[in-house]
Amino acid sequence: YDDYDYGEVNQLLERSLKIYIKTVACYPEKTTKRTYTQFWRHFKHSEKVHVNLLLLEARMQAALLYALRAVTRYMT
């Protein structure tokens, strides 16, 4: 959205994490093992997997919302 303040995100998340989140959410086919191992090196494997699952669920919800919006606009 145009009215979203991205400055907050820049303050809360480090750049490498932002890049990883964008890659997984927007371009999952470009996610590599190197990308996965480089982000949050101090976290356990299970925690990284949990973050990936959250990202993929968020992506699915966003896709469903856009589809529902399209169907609603078509029906009205």
C-alpha atoms as a PDB file:
ATOM      1  CA  TYR A   1       0.000   0.000   0.000  1.00  0.00           C
ATOM      2  CA  ASP A   2       1.099   3.553  -0.653  1.00  0.00           C
ATOM      3  CA  ASP A   3       0.362   4.765   2.875  1.00  0.00           C
ATOM      4  CA  TYR A   4       2.520   2.150   4.609  1.00  0.00           C
ATOM      5  CA  ASP A   5       5.549   3.483   6.510  1.00  0.00           C
ATOM      6  CA  TYR A   6       8.457   1.267   5.470  1.00  0.00           C
ATOM      7  CA  GLY A   7      10.755   3.195   7.804  1.00  0.00           C
ATOM      8  CA  GLU A   8       9.497   1.078  10.710  1.00  0.00           C
ATOM      9  CA  VAL A   9      10.502  -2.114   8.937  1.00  0.00           C
ATOM     10  CA  ASN A  10      13.949  -0.711   8.242  1.00  0.00           C
ATOM     11  CA  GLN A  11      14.428  -0.002  11.942  1.00  0.00           C
ATOM     12  CA  LEU A  12      13.146  -3.355  13.208  1.00  0.00           C
ATOM     13  CA  LEU A  13      14.704  -5.809  10.756  1.00  0.00           C
ATOM     14  CA  GLU A  14      18.276  -6.153   9.631  1.00  0.00           C
ATOM     15  CA  ARG A  15      18.914  -5.957   5.903  1.00  0.00           C
ATOM     16  CA  SER A  16      19.861  -9.624   5.449  1.00  0.00           C
ATOM     17  CA  LEU A  17      16.603 -10.748   7.043  1.00  0.00           C
ATOM     18  CA  LYS A  18      14.567  -8.373   4.878  1.00  0.00           C
ATOM     19  CA  ILE A  19      16.261  -9.737   1.760  1.00  0.00           C
ATOM     20  CA  TYR A  20      15.596 -13.309   2.877  1.00  0.00           C
ATOM     21  CA  ILE A  21      11.924 -12.606   3.641  1.00  0.00           C
ATOM     22  CA  LYS A  22      11.397 -10.916   0.278  1.00  0.00           C
ATOM     23  CA  THR A  23      13.144 -13.739  -1.569  1.00  0.00           C
ATOM     24  CA  VAL A  24      11.116 -16.479   0.136  1.00  0.00           C
ATOM     25  CA  ALA A  25       7.795 -14.642  -0.096  1.00  0.00           C
ATOM     26  CA  CYS A  26       8.090 -13.176  -3.607  1.00  0.00           C
ATOM     27  CA  TYR A  27      10.523 -15.489  -5.399  1.00  0.00           C
ATOM     28  CA  PRO A  28      10.547 -18.892  -3.626  1.00  0.00           C
ATOM     29  CA  GLU A  29      12.148 -20.540  -6.658  1.00  0.00           C
ATOM     30  CA  LYS A  30      15.231 -18.326  -6.165  1.00  0.00           C
ATOM     31  CA  THR A  31      15.774 -19.437  -2.561  1.00  0.00           C
ATOM     32  CA  THR A  32      19.000 -21.422  -2.323  1.00  0.00           C
ATOM     33  CA  LYS A  33      20.685 -23.415   0.387  1.00  0.00           C
ATOM     34  CA  ARG A  34      23.325 -20.676   0.628  1.00  0.00           C
ATOM     35  CA  THR A  35      20.636 -18.057   1.246  1.00  0.00           C
ATOM     36  CA  TYR A  36      19.060 -20.275   3.893  1.00  0.00           C
ATOM     37  CA  THR A  37      22.297 -20.939   5.756  1.00  0.00           C
ATOM     38  CA  GLN A  38      23.441 -17.314   5.698  1.00  0.00           C
ATOM     39  CA  PHE A  39      20.413 -15.768   7.360  1.00  0.00           C
ATOM     40  CA  TRP A  40      20.221 -15.915  11.166  1.00  0.00           C
ATOM     41  CA  ARG A  41      23.307 -18.065  11.634  1.00  0.00           C
ATOM     42  CA  HIS A  42      22.812 -18.170  15.404  1.00  0.00           C
ATOM     43  CA  PHE A  43      19.337 -19.736  15.106  1.00  0.00           C
ATOM     44  CA  LYS A  44      18.646 -23.447  15.112  1.00  0.00           C
ATOM     45  CA  HIS A  45      17.483 -25.279  12.008  1.00  0.00           C
ATOM     46  CA  SER A  46      14.007 -25.825  13.495  1.00  0.00           C
ATOM     47  CA  GLU A  47      13.582 -22.084  14.110  1.00  0.00           C
ATOM     48  CA  LYS A  48      14.521 -21.278  10.531  1.00  0.00           C
ATOM     49  CA  VAL A  49      12.030 -23.852   9.263  1.00  0.00           C
ATOM     50  CA  HIS A  50       9.348 -22.276  11.440  1.00  0.00           C
ATOM     51  CA  VAL A  51      10.069 -18.840   9.928  1.00  0.00           C
ATOM     52  CA  ASN A  52       9.838 -20.348   6.432  1.00  0.00           C
ATOM     53  CA  LEU A  53       6.466 -21.901   7.228  1.00  0.00           C
ATOM     54  CA  LEU A  54       5.172 -18.571   8.532  1.00  0.00           C
ATOM     55  CA  LEU A  55       6.361 -16.823   5.368  1.00  0.00           C
ATOM     56  CA  LEU A  56       4.715 -19.369   3.096  1.00  0.00           C
ATOM     57  CA  GLU A  57       1.453 -19.211   5.046  1.00  0.00           C
ATOM     58  CA  ALA A  58       1.480 -15.404   4.780  1.00  0.00           C
ATOM     59  CA  ARG A  59       2.046 -15.675   1.042  1.00  0.00           C
ATOM     60  CA  MET A  60      -0.872 -18.092   0.707  1.00  0.00           C
ATOM     61  CA  GLN A  61      -3.171 -15.804   2.715  1.00  0.00           C
ATOM     62  CA  ALA A  62      -2.225 -12.822   0.568  1.00  0.00           C
ATOM     63  CA  ALA A  63      -2.936 -14.789  -2.611  1.00  0.00           C
ATOM     64  CA  LEU A  64      -6.309 -15.895  -1.263  1.00  0.00           C
ATOM     65  CA  LEU A  65      -7.221 -12.326  -0.315  1.00  0.00           C
ATOM     66  CA  TYR A  66      -6.357 -11.016  -3.781  1.00  0.00           C
ATOM     67  CA  ALA A  67      -8.364 -13.833  -5.379  1.00  0.00           C
ATOM     68  CA  LEU A  68     -11.328 -13.156  -3.122  1.00  0.00           C
ATOM     69  CA  ARG A  69     -11.160  -9.446  -3.953  1.00  0.00           C
ATOM     70  CA  ALA A  70     -11.185 -10.253  -7.666  1.00  0.00           C
ATOM     71  CA  VAL A  71     -14.180 -12.562  -7.296  1.00  0.00           C
ATOM     72  CA  THR A  72     -16.029  -9.975  -5.200  1.00  0.00           C
ATOM     73  CA  ARG A  73     -15.412  -7.254  -7.784  1.00  0.00           C
ATOM     74  CA  TYR A  74     -16.590  -9.571 -10.545  1.00  0.00           C
ATOM     75  CA  MET A  75     -19.778 -10.457  -8.680  1.00  0.00           C
ATOM     76  CA  THR A  76     -20.765  -6.839  -7.967  1.00  0.00           C
END
